[in-house]
Amino acid sequence: MAQLDALIEISPVCTRIITLTPRAHHWVEMHVTLTQVQTWTEGVLEVAPLDITDLLTGMLRAGLRLAPVCGRMAIRHTHLTQNALVGCFSTN
């Protein structure tokens, strides 16, 4: 199995992207705006739940390998090619 680039944790209050590789860390540094960041420290990015869909879609389009911390995260490849992207992520 290929190495994961980041873990995703979604809750109603906060969403975390935990970078595991330099590639994922660099992607966050280059693509996440200051207005999206709640906290960014030691490879852990916290953003508001409303911002996560665009960030995860961008990371997946960049070829980063993501996995949920627990539960499931569902996104179809068709979501990555649609003009109007709609995220479908579980919070379990």
Protein backbone atom coordinates (compact mmCIF):
# COMPACT_ATOMS: atom_id res chain seq x y z
CA MET A 1 0.00 0.00 0.00
CA ALA A 2 1.26 3.47 -0.87
CA GLN A 3 2.26 5.85 1.89
CA LEU A 4 -0.43 8.26 3.02
CA ASP A 5 0.28 11.97 2.64
CA ALA A 6 -2.26 13.21 5.18
CA LEU A 7 -4.91 12.18 7.67
CA ILE A 8 -8.24 13.99 7.81
CA GLU A 9 -10.31 14.55 10.94
CA ILE A 10 -13.74 16.12 10.55
CA SER A 11 -15.98 17.29 13.38
CA PRO A 12 -18.84 19.81 13.53
CA VAL A 13 -16.59 22.37 15.24
CA CYS A 14 -13.22 21.94 13.59
CA THR A 15 -11.52 20.07 10.79
CA ARG A 16 -7.90 18.93 10.84
CA ILE A 17 -5.53 17.97 8.09
CA ILE A 18 -2.56 16.17 9.60
CA THR A 19 0.31 16.20 7.13
CA LEU A 20 2.46 13.07 7.10
CA THR A 21 4.83 13.83 4.22
CA PRO A 22 6.86 16.84 3.11
CA ARG A 23 4.78 16.88 -0.09
CA ALA A 24 1.52 17.34 1.85
CA HIS A 25 3.12 19.94 4.13
CA HIS A 26 4.35 21.89 1.10
CA TRP A 27 0.90 21.69 -0.54
CA VAL A 28 -0.69 23.23 2.56
CA GLU A 29 1.94 25.97 2.69
CA MET A 30 1.38 26.85 -0.97
CA HIS A 31 -2.41 26.55 -1.29
CA VAL A 32 -4.12 27.34 2.01
CA THR A 33 -4.88 31.01 2.57
CA LEU A 34 -4.52 32.80 5.88
CA THR A 35 -8.27 33.42 5.97
CA GLN A 36 -8.85 29.64 5.92
CA VAL A 37 -6.41 28.83 8.73
CA GLN A 38 -7.60 28.55 12.31
CA THR A 39 -4.36 26.88 13.45
CA TRP A 40 -1.27 25.68 11.55
CA THR A 41 1.39 24.17 13.76
CA GLU A 42 3.68 21.15 13.68
CA GLY A 43 2.10 19.77 10.51
CA VAL A 44 -1.49 20.02 11.75
CA LEU A 45 -3.83 22.40 9.95
CA GLU A 46 -7.16 23.31 11.50
CA VAL A 47 -9.81 24.96 9.35
CA ALA A 48 -13.52 25.68 9.65
CA PRO A 49 -15.71 22.80 8.44
CA LEU A 50 -16.97 24.98 5.56
CA ASP A 51 -13.45 25.21 4.07
CA ILE A 52 -12.58 21.52 4.07
CA THR A 53 -14.30 20.43 0.84
CA ASP A 54 -12.27 22.76 -1.37
CA LEU A 55 -9.02 21.89 0.40
CA LEU A 56 -9.55 18.13 0.20
CA THR A 57 -10.57 18.35 -3.44
CA GLY A 58 -7.43 20.35 -4.21
CA MET A 59 -5.24 17.86 -2.36
CA LEU A 60 -6.81 14.93 -4.19
CA ARG A 61 -6.44 16.68 -7.55
CA ALA A 62 -2.76 17.18 -6.72
CA GLY A 63 -2.45 13.41 -6.28
CA LEU A 64 -2.04 13.41 -2.50
CA ARG A 65 -3.17 10.27 -0.72
CA LEU A 66 -5.60 11.01 2.12
CA ALA A 67 -7.32 8.88 4.74
CA PRO A 68 -9.72 9.65 7.58
CA VAL A 69 -8.47 9.46 11.17
CA CYS A 70 -11.51 7.29 11.94
CA GLY A 71 -14.65 6.26 10.15
CA ARG A 72 -14.93 6.74 6.42
CA MET A 73 -14.30 9.52 3.96
CA ALA A 74 -16.20 9.22 0.71
CA ILE A 75 -15.39 11.09 -2.46
CA ARG A 76 -15.85 9.79 -5.95
CA HIS A 77 -13.43 10.42 -8.81
CA THR A 78 -16.29 12.13 -10.64
CA HIS A 79 -16.25 14.79 -7.93
CA LEU A 80 -12.72 15.66 -9.01
CA THR A 81 -13.73 16.31 -12.62
CA GLN A 82 -17.02 18.12 -12.14
CA ASN A 83 -17.16 21.89 -12.47
CA ALA A 84 -19.40 22.30 -9.42
CA LEU A 85 -17.64 20.17 -6.84
CA VAL A 86 -19.72 18.77 -4.03
CA GLY A 87 -17.93 17.13 -1.14
CA CYS A 88 -19.28 14.01 0.44
CA PHE A 89 -17.35 13.34 3.63
CA SER A 90 -18.47 11.34 6.62
CA THR A 91 -18.00 12.61 10.14
CA ASN A 92 -18.01 9.18 11.81
